[in-house]
Each structure stands twice: as C-alpha cells, then as structure tokens.
Amino acid sequence: MRWDVVVVGAGFAGVVAAERFASKGSKVLVIERRSHIGGNSYDYYNSQGILVHLYGPHIFHTKDKGVWDYLSRFTKWRLYSHKVQAYIEGKKVPLPFNLNTLDALFPSSFASALGNKLISEFGYGARVPVLEMLENEDKDIRFLAEYVYENVFLNYSIKQWGLKPEEMDPRVTARVPVLVGRDDRYFHDPFQGIPASGYTRMFENMLRSPNISVMLNTDYKGMISTLSFGRLVYTGPIDYFFDFKHGVLPYRSMRFDFETLDLDRFQDVAVVNYPNDYGFTRVTEFKHLTGQRHKGTTILKEFPEDFKMGKNVPCYPIQTDKNLLTYEKYKKEADSLDNVIFLGRLAEYRYYNMDEVVKEALDRCIYR
C-alpha cells in the first residue's frame, strides 16, 4: 500500500499532523516507538482508578483562540487555573515569585517597601527575569534578585538541568520570572484547561479518521525502507534521524515516582516545587488537575536525570551554545530534504509549550 503521509511519533506534533492531512483525504500512517499514543502528554487510570499523567503534569494554556477552538473539536474542557507553590525556608509560598510571596517570606514593612520599589521600577503586572533584576542599580531590588536567584532558581536549575541559570538559554530562565503583582496563577493565558476525559481520549478522537492507521511499539527505522509514501513528518530526535553523524544532542529526562495515599488531599495545590530541599524537583497531586473525586490520591515526585537512549524518555533539550551549534548542523541537512517535515520539541531541538507545537503543526502540515 502507498501512504500519502507517514508520521513518525504520536505526541502532540504527530497527532495534529496526522489529523490535518487525513482531514483532507490523505492516507496517513502513524508510527510510534512507545506502546501508547500521546507522547509525553499521555494519561491513564492507574490500578487504584485515579487518572494520572505518566510523564508529569500537563496543563494546557494558550493565548491563541484558533488553537483552543481546534482542540475543542476533539474534547470538552475542565476549565482550570494552575497554581504552584515553592517550598522555601520551610514554607510553601506562591510561585512565580510575586508580591504575595514577599508577604509570606519577609516582615510586613520590608515586604511592603520592596513591593513598592518593584512597582515603581517595573510597573504593576510586569514579569521580570531574575537575571535582569540582578543587574539593577537599586540595592534593595538587587537584594531581592539575589534572594530569588539563590532560593528559587539556582539549586532548582542545577537539579533540573545540571546547569546554573546563567549557563542556559535566557528563554528558559525567562519562563519563570518575578511577577510584580498578586495574581497567583502560574499562567495568565485567557484559555486554560485540562481535557475533561483526559489527553489520551482527546488524542484517540483526533486519530479516529478511517484515513489514519497507527503502529505502536515500532521503531520507524526498521521499516521505513519498506514503505511507499509521498511525505514524511518526523517528530523524533533530529540527531537520531541522521544517525548522530554530527554528534549526540543531549536532553534532560526524569524518573517519575508515583505513590497512592489513603488521603483525600496531600497538598493545597496541584504542584509544589522543591528548589533546595530533597532530590526531587516537584510533587504533583493529580486530583487538583482533573477534579476527580476519589477517596485516595496519587502524587508524583520527579527526579531529573540524563537522557539515555532506550533507558528513559527525552523531556527537555539542553540549549547551551555548544549544543545549539550542533543542532544547526543537523538543521542545515534537514532543510535540504524537500519531502520531510521536522516538527516538534525533539525534531527542532527547542522547548515548545503544547499550544505552540499545535500551532506549528497546524501551520506547517498542509499541502502547498
């Protein structure tokens, strides 16, 4: 059989690509190495009947109404505003670091004075990268920047990435700024939610077309030479596609330790970050995300580790200058292939939020 499109990978990028091409009448084959669809957004009911995210918490949020409306064809939403706390100096305080966090950690008069300086310097509602604040001339703002750097960013970055914040791409550190305001929500996008029946059910709905076939537990390299197709959408690691000819692109992975407890609630919010204490980076309690009613609760502790092919999953590209130079060599080769679309976090070696990769797939996976 000849396929119009072969899609490698069944995460967000691959599933959206498959759905779009199939919706126009193309015959699409999706090849997935893992035993499930959904990539790192896969969720399932564990043995206790609690819906959990296998690869850590995934909260969908976007400013793009078109992306929200597109996915809404395949799922209803549980409207949800994500809140995160950080365990700092023995207290659980709001994150991103904001005016409420000042009040929780410092004496009230000092917190008020600092807050007023931040508002005067940056404006109410500003989101200021901590590395930018470290360069400020005001000694109190620099004190706060150094405090946040030491207690929120430094050890968390070392645990999460194996790098100090200043060694990383600024776009990564800018994702968790100091917020000059009192809105405790982690994301401020106008569209936020969790698929009401789970991500996996949404992906199943997207792949329901009779024009789509899915092969799980399959490495595409073992069979691609036997297939006849017109176009390839590749969402796997770009260095693997080119047989590592320019070297290995490193990623951070995670070890996910689940525990089900005979409690209604374990913590006050879905996610608590542990930047300084313990070996894990955060604890997630899934019932906050899903709204599920259950007499027990399941929590997840995440332990960062290096990615090793075949041993764990690549979660986050490590975007240092050296690694990006290596990626550019692969990108140059990828750009020379007319019938291959390289799409997504692994194929483009960059961090994508879920809505961003959906938008990218919608924009690029059309016939021209």
Protein backbone atom coordinates (compact mmCIF):
# COMPACT_ATOMS: atom_id res chain seq x y z
CA MET A 1 0.00 0.00 0.00
CA ARG A 2 1.16 3.52 -0.73
CA TRP A 3 0.72 6.12 2.02
CA ASP A 4 0.34 9.79 1.23
CA VAL A 5 1.95 10.72 4.55
CA VAL A 6 3.94 8.79 7.14
CA VAL A 7 4.13 10.42 10.57
CA VAL A 8 6.86 9.35 12.98
CA GLY A 9 5.76 9.91 16.55
CA ALA A 10 2.30 10.11 18.13
CA GLY A 11 2.73 13.05 20.50
CA PHE A 12 1.02 16.40 20.04
CA ALA A 13 3.01 17.26 16.90
CA GLY A 14 2.46 13.92 15.21
CA VAL A 15 -1.20 13.57 16.11
CA VAL A 16 -2.12 17.05 14.91
CA ALA A 17 -0.16 16.47 11.69
CA ALA A 18 -1.91 13.14 11.09
CA GLU A 19 -5.35 14.59 11.77
CA ARG A 20 -4.81 17.56 9.45
CA PHE A 21 -3.53 15.54 6.50
CA ALA A 22 -6.23 12.88 6.97
CA SER A 23 -8.95 15.54 7.11
CA LYS A 24 -8.00 16.47 3.53
CA GLY A 25 -8.30 12.89 2.33
CA SER A 26 -4.69 11.75 2.68
CA LYS A 27 -3.93 8.19 3.72
CA VAL A 28 -1.75 8.52 6.83
CA LEU A 29 0.38 6.01 8.72
CA VAL A 30 1.50 6.94 12.24
CA ILE A 31 4.50 5.03 13.60
CA GLU A 32 5.17 5.24 17.34
CA ARG A 33 8.09 3.69 19.22
CA ARG A 34 6.23 3.56 22.54
CA SER A 35 3.28 1.37 23.48
CA HIS A 36 0.84 4.27 23.59
CA ILE A 37 -0.20 7.40 21.73
CA GLY A 38 0.05 10.88 23.22
CA GLY A 39 3.81 11.15 23.70
CA ASN A 40 4.72 12.77 27.00
CA SER A 41 1.14 14.04 27.38
CA TYR A 42 -0.20 10.50 27.78
CA ASP A 43 -2.51 9.93 30.74
CA TYR A 44 -4.22 6.82 32.10
CA TYR A 45 -6.14 5.41 35.07
CA ASN A 46 -3.79 3.67 37.49
CA SER A 47 -4.59 0.47 39.37
CA GLN A 48 -6.43 2.47 42.04
CA GLY A 49 -8.62 4.13 39.41
CA ILE A 50 -7.02 7.57 39.63
CA LEU A 51 -6.30 9.46 36.41
CA VAL A 52 -2.60 10.38 36.27
CA HIS A 53 -0.16 11.86 33.76
CA LEU A 54 2.57 9.30 33.20
CA TYR A 55 5.27 11.82 32.31
CA GLY A 56 4.47 14.63 34.72
CA PRO A 57 1.72 17.27 34.85
CA HIS A 58 0.44 18.76 31.60
CA ILE A 59 -1.73 21.88 31.82
CA PHE A 60 -2.98 23.24 28.53
CA HIS A 61 -2.93 27.03 28.20
CA THR A 62 -2.88 29.37 25.23
CA LYS A 63 -3.50 32.90 24.04
CA ASP A 64 -4.46 31.55 20.61
CA LYS A 65 -8.22 31.13 20.25
CA GLY A 66 -7.70 29.25 16.98
CA VAL A 67 -5.62 26.58 18.71
CA TRP A 68 -8.17 26.32 21.54
CA ASP A 69 -11.07 26.04 19.10
CA TYR A 70 -9.25 23.42 17.04
CA LEU A 71 -8.64 21.12 20.01
CA SER A 72 -12.17 21.78 21.26
CA ARG A 73 -13.41 19.76 18.28
CA PHE A 74 -11.99 16.67 19.99
CA THR A 75 -12.53 17.30 23.69
CA LYS A 76 -14.58 19.14 26.24
CA TRP A 77 -12.54 21.02 28.82
CA ARG A 78 -12.28 21.17 32.56
CA LEU A 79 -11.57 24.86 32.99
CA TYR A 80 -8.64 25.09 35.35
CA SER A 81 -6.24 27.81 36.52
CA HIS A 82 -2.90 26.35 37.52
CA LYS A 83 -1.33 27.41 40.82
CA VAL A 84 2.11 26.39 42.00
CA GLN A 85 3.88 26.72 45.33
CA ALA A 86 7.57 26.55 46.19
CA TYR A 87 8.98 25.11 49.39
CA ILE A 88 11.33 27.84 50.61
CA GLU A 89 12.77 28.18 54.12
CA GLY A 90 10.25 25.66 55.46
CA LYS A 91 7.22 27.44 53.96
CA LYS A 92 5.09 26.74 50.91
CA VAL A 93 4.78 30.06 49.09
CA PRO A 94 3.26 31.19 45.76
CA LEU A 95 5.27 30.75 42.54
CA PRO A 96 6.11 32.58 40.30
CA PHE A 97 7.67 34.79 42.94
CA ASN A 98 5.27 37.73 43.38
CA LEU A 99 4.05 40.30 45.89
CA ASN A 100 2.17 37.62 47.84
CA THR A 101 5.41 35.64 48.08
CA LEU A 102 7.13 38.72 49.55
CA ASP A 103 4.43 38.92 52.23
CA ALA A 104 4.82 35.22 53.07
CA LEU A 105 8.61 35.31 53.47
CA PHE A 106 9.58 38.77 54.78
CA PRO A 107 8.47 41.08 57.62
CA SER A 108 5.43 43.07 56.52
CA SER A 109 7.10 46.52 56.47
CA PHE A 110 10.07 45.22 54.47
CA ALA A 111 7.81 43.29 52.08
CA SER A 112 5.69 46.40 51.52
CA ALA A 113 8.72 48.59 50.82
CA LEU A 114 10.15 46.05 48.38
CA GLY A 115 6.82 45.70 46.64
CA ASN A 116 6.51 49.46 46.20
CA LYS A 117 10.02 49.64 44.71
CA LEU A 118 9.21 46.87 42.23
CA ILE A 119 6.02 48.61 41.15
CA SER A 120 7.84 51.94 40.78
CA GLU A 121 10.73 50.42 38.82
CA PHE A 122 8.95 47.94 36.55
CA GLY A 123 5.24 48.74 36.74
CA TYR A 124 2.40 46.73 38.22
CA GLY A 125 1.86 43.48 36.34
CA ALA A 126 5.38 43.31 34.89
CA ARG A 127 7.10 39.96 34.52
CA VAL A 128 10.83 40.47 35.11
CA PRO A 129 13.51 37.79 34.51
CA VAL A 130 15.56 37.37 37.67
CA LEU A 131 18.83 37.65 35.73
CA GLU A 132 17.70 41.09 34.56
CA MET A 133 16.88 42.12 38.13
CA LEU A 134 20.38 41.14 39.24
CA GLU A 135 21.75 43.98 37.09
CA ASN A 136 19.53 46.65 38.67
CA GLU A 137 21.29 49.56 40.41
CA ASP A 138 18.91 49.72 43.38
CA LYS A 139 20.40 47.79 46.32
CA ASP A 140 17.03 46.54 47.60
CA ILE A 141 15.97 45.25 44.18
CA ARG A 142 19.37 43.57 43.83
CA PHE A 143 18.92 42.05 47.30
CA LEU A 144 15.58 40.60 46.23
CA ALA A 145 17.04 39.38 42.95
CA GLU A 146 19.88 37.65 44.78
CA TYR A 147 17.42 36.11 47.24
CA VAL A 148 15.20 34.78 44.46
CA TYR A 149 18.21 33.59 42.49
CA GLU A 150 19.64 31.69 45.47
CA ASN A 151 16.39 30.29 46.84
CA VAL A 152 14.23 29.72 43.76
CA PHE A 153 16.41 29.43 40.66
CA LEU A 154 19.96 28.30 41.41
CA ASN A 155 19.55 24.89 43.04
CA TYR A 156 16.40 24.12 41.06
CA SER A 157 18.29 24.73 37.81
CA ILE A 158 21.20 22.58 38.96
CA LYS A 159 18.82 19.75 39.86
CA GLN A 160 16.62 20.13 36.79
CA TRP A 161 19.25 20.87 34.14
CA GLY A 162 22.63 20.13 35.66
CA LEU A 163 23.44 23.78 34.82
CA LYS A 164 23.39 27.15 36.55
CA PRO A 165 20.75 29.60 35.23
CA GLU A 166 23.34 31.82 33.56
CA GLU A 167 24.66 28.82 31.60
CA MET A 168 21.28 28.25 29.98
CA ASP A 169 19.43 29.86 27.11
CA PRO A 170 17.74 33.02 28.53
CA ARG A 171 14.44 31.90 27.03
CA VAL A 172 14.40 29.04 29.56
CA THR A 173 15.02 31.17 32.66
CA ALA A 174 12.58 33.81 31.42
CA ARG A 175 9.76 31.26 31.61
CA VAL A 176 9.61 31.70 35.41
CA PRO A 177 10.00 35.44 36.09
CA VAL A 178 9.40 37.60 39.15
CA LEU A 179 5.82 38.86 38.85
CA VAL A 180 5.12 42.40 40.04
CA GLY A 181 1.54 41.67 41.04
CA ARG A 182 -0.72 39.48 43.17
CA ASP A 183 -2.17 37.14 40.56
CA ASP A 184 -1.03 33.73 41.88
CA ARG A 185 -1.90 31.86 38.71
CA TYR A 186 1.12 30.23 37.09
CA PHE A 187 -0.20 31.01 33.61
CA HIS A 188 -2.13 34.13 32.63
CA ASP A 189 -3.34 33.00 29.21
CA PRO A 190 -7.07 33.53 28.50
CA PHE A 191 -7.64 29.85 27.63
CA GLN A 192 -6.61 27.30 30.26
CA GLY A 193 -7.85 23.81 30.97
CA ILE A 194 -7.46 20.05 31.13
CA PRO A 195 -9.23 17.76 28.62
CA ALA A 196 -12.32 16.67 30.54
CA SER A 197 -11.86 12.97 29.74
CA GLY A 198 -8.07 13.12 29.62
CA TYR A 199 -5.43 13.79 27.00
CA THR A 200 -5.37 10.21 25.75
CA ARG A 201 -9.09 10.26 24.95
CA MET A 202 -8.61 13.55 23.07
CA PHE A 203 -5.77 12.01 21.02
CA GLU A 204 -7.91 8.94 20.30
CA ASN A 205 -10.64 11.23 18.95
CA MET A 206 -8.11 13.04 16.76
CA LEU A 207 -6.87 9.76 15.27
CA ARG A 208 -10.32 8.31 14.71
CA SER A 209 -10.36 9.02 10.97
CA PRO A 210 -10.58 5.94 8.68
CA ASN A 211 -7.72 7.55 6.75
CA ILE A 212 -5.33 7.05 9.71
CA SER A 213 -3.56 3.84 10.71
CA VAL A 214 -1.38 3.62 13.83
CA MET A 215 1.51 1.25 14.55
CA LEU A 216 2.74 1.17 18.18
CA ASN A 217 5.87 -0.44 19.63
CA THR A 218 7.63 0.23 16.33
CA ASP A 219 10.91 1.96 15.54
CA TYR A 220 10.38 3.60 12.16
CA LYS A 221 13.94 2.85 11.07
CA GLY A 222 13.25 -0.84 10.98
CA MET A 223 10.56 -0.49 8.34
CA ILE A 224 10.77 2.91 6.62
CA SER A 225 12.69 1.46 3.66
CA THR A 226 9.82 -0.96 3.02
CA LEU A 227 7.16 1.77 2.82
CA SER A 228 5.96 3.71 -0.17
CA PHE A 229 4.90 7.26 0.73
CA GLY A 230 4.82 10.79 -0.56
CA ARG A 231 5.76 12.80 2.52
CA LEU A 232 7.30 12.17 5.95
CA VAL A 233 6.50 14.10 9.11
CA TYR A 234 9.26 13.42 11.60
CA THR A 235 8.80 14.32 15.29
CA GLY A 236 11.58 12.24 16.85
CA PRO A 237 15.09 13.36 17.83
CA ILE A 238 16.76 15.01 14.85
CA ASP A 239 20.18 13.54 15.70
CA TYR A 240 18.69 10.04 15.61
CA PHE A 241 17.22 10.71 12.17
CA PHE A 242 20.71 11.48 10.84
CA ASP A 243 22.37 8.60 12.73
CA PHE A 244 24.19 11.00 15.10
CA LYS A 245 26.61 11.99 12.32
CA HIS A 246 27.28 15.40 13.91
CA GLY A 247 27.21 14.15 17.48
CA VAL A 248 24.60 13.48 20.16
CA LEU A 249 22.21 16.26 21.23
CA PRO A 250 21.73 15.95 24.99
CA TYR A 251 18.41 16.10 26.82
CA ARG A 252 17.30 16.00 30.42
CA SER A 253 14.98 13.19 31.36
CA MET A 254 13.03 12.40 34.52
CA ARG A 255 12.45 9.50 36.82
CA PHE A 256 8.79 9.51 37.81
CA ASP A 257 7.97 8.02 41.22
CA PHE A 258 4.23 7.58 41.88
CA GLU A 259 2.64 6.96 45.24
CA THR A 260 -1.05 6.47 46.05
CA LEU A 261 -2.09 7.56 49.53
CA ASP A 262 -5.17 6.89 51.63
CA LEU A 263 -5.90 10.61 51.83
CA ASP A 264 -8.41 12.92 50.21
CA ARG A 265 -5.75 15.61 49.69
CA PHE A 266 -1.97 15.63 50.11
CA GLN A 267 -1.21 19.31 49.33
CA ASP A 268 -3.07 22.56 48.74
CA VAL A 269 -2.24 22.98 45.03
CA ALA A 270 -1.52 20.68 42.12
CA VAL A 271 2.25 21.27 42.07
CA VAL A 272 4.75 22.15 44.79
CA ASN A 273 8.33 22.85 43.66
CA TYR A 274 11.28 21.93 45.87
CA PRO A 275 14.16 24.08 44.64
CA ASN A 276 16.53 23.45 47.55
CA ASP A 277 15.39 20.50 49.66
CA TYR A 278 15.32 16.82 48.72
CA GLY A 279 16.42 15.15 45.50
CA PHE A 280 13.16 15.67 43.61
CA THR A 281 12.22 18.92 41.89
CA ARG A 282 8.47 18.90 42.43
CA VAL A 283 5.47 16.97 43.73
CA THR A 284 2.26 16.78 41.71
CA GLU A 285 -1.15 15.77 43.04
CA PHE A 286 -3.33 14.89 40.08
CA LYS A 287 -6.80 15.29 41.59
CA HIS A 288 -6.26 19.06 41.63
CA LEU A 289 -5.79 18.95 37.86
CA THR A 290 -8.55 16.54 36.91
CA GLY A 291 -11.17 17.37 39.55
CA GLN A 292 -11.66 13.64 40.03
CA ARG A 293 -13.50 12.51 43.15
CA HIS A 294 -11.80 9.56 44.81
CA LYS A 295 -11.23 8.52 48.41
CA GLY A 296 -7.48 8.26 47.77
CA THR A 297 -4.98 10.45 45.98
CA THR A 298 -1.92 9.83 43.79
CA ILE A 299 1.17 12.00 43.96
CA LEU A 300 4.21 12.09 41.70
CA LYS A 301 7.78 13.02 42.61
CA GLU A 302 10.11 13.93 39.74
CA PHE A 303 13.84 13.22 39.84
CA PRO A 304 15.83 14.76 36.95
CA GLU A 305 18.44 12.62 35.22
CA ASP A 306 20.39 12.49 31.98
CA PHE A 307 18.65 11.07 28.94
CA LYS A 308 19.92 7.68 27.80
CA MET A 309 18.56 6.28 24.55
CA GLY A 310 16.44 3.21 25.23
CA LYS A 311 16.52 3.70 29.02
CA ASN A 312 14.25 6.71 29.57
CA VAL A 313 12.47 9.43 27.60
CA PRO A 314 13.91 12.74 26.33
CA CYS A 315 12.00 15.52 28.08
CA TYR A 316 13.89 18.80 27.73
CA PRO A 317 16.54 19.82 25.18
CA ILE A 318 19.60 21.34 26.88
CA GLN A 319 20.04 24.52 24.88
CA THR A 320 23.59 25.63 25.52
CA ASP A 321 25.59 27.49 22.86
CA LYS A 322 27.59 24.34 22.11
CA ASN A 323 24.51 22.17 21.72
CA LEU A 324 22.75 24.72 19.52
CA LEU A 325 25.75 24.81 17.19
CA THR A 326 25.48 21.05 16.84
CA TYR A 327 21.76 21.37 16.17
CA GLU A 328 22.38 23.92 13.42
CA LYS A 329 24.44 21.31 11.55
CA TYR A 330 21.50 18.93 11.65
CA LYS A 331 19.03 21.67 10.71
CA LYS A 332 21.04 22.53 7.62
CA GLU A 333 20.73 18.92 6.46
CA ALA A 334 17.05 18.81 7.39
CA ASP A 335 16.33 21.94 5.35
CA SER A 336 17.72 20.23 2.26
CA LEU A 337 15.07 17.46 2.37
CA ASP A 338 12.03 18.56 0.41
CA ASN A 339 9.67 15.75 1.40
CA VAL A 340 10.35 15.69 5.18
CA ILE A 341 8.78 18.00 7.76
CA PHE A 342 10.77 18.14 11.00
CA LEU A 343 8.30 19.12 13.68
CA GLY A 344 8.20 19.42 17.45
CA ARG A 345 10.41 19.59 20.51
CA LEU A 346 12.73 16.73 19.57
CA ALA A 347 12.94 17.33 15.84
CA GLU A 348 13.56 21.08 16.27
CA TYR A 349 15.59 20.81 19.48
CA ARG A 350 13.67 23.53 21.28
CA TYR A 351 11.24 23.86 24.14
CA TYR A 352 7.64 24.02 22.97
CA ASN A 353 4.58 24.58 25.10
CA MET A 354 1.76 22.32 24.00
CA ASP A 355 -0.18 25.12 22.33
CA GLU A 356 2.92 26.25 20.45
CA VAL A 357 3.52 22.85 18.91
CA VAL A 358 -0.17 22.57 17.97
CA LYS A 359 0.04 25.96 16.23
CA GLU A 360 3.26 24.94 14.46
CA ALA A 361 1.69 21.70 13.24
CA LEU A 362 -1.47 23.49 12.05
CA ASP A 363 0.63 26.00 10.12
CA ARG A 364 3.04 23.56 8.52
CA CYS A 365 1.07 20.37 7.90
CA ILE A 366 -0.91 21.43 4.88
CA TYR A 367 -0.41 20.72 1.21
CA ARG A 368 1.07 23.64 -0.68
